[in-house]
Amino acid sequence: MKTKKNITVLILTVLLVVIFSGITVAVIRTTPNQKNIITDANGSDESCYAERSEAEKLIDSTLSQDEVEKALGKWEKFEMSSDGCERGVYAGRFYYENLILYSRTYDKGQTFHIMSIN
């Protein structure tokens, strides 16, 4: 009876180790490790890399999305949300490869007041 319990515990332990090893391998293989490249309509490659020093110059300025793109390049991802904001205010986040630009918009995305970078 005691031997059956020990064998069951051993088998379950081995199964758990195999499952967690499989999950680890799957996560490592699907994690992107290359720089994302965006190809525009002209076919030229533009890197999604923004310089931190250039981004810091934009803090406390109000810009449109086109002006942000002109100053820092095309972002990888953009999000706009009203979660945690007062009524009528939206938070805009511009995601670049090495930083995130946090902003507020008071006119539903026409212009963005740059608050901080991370």
Foldseek 3Di string as FASTA:
>chain_A
DVVVVVVVVVVVVVVVVVVVVVVVVVVVVPDDDDFDWDQDPVRDTDGLDFDPVQLVVQAQHKAAPVVVCVSGNAAPDKDWACPPHDPQKIWIWGHGPPKIWIWIDNHVRGMTRTHDMD
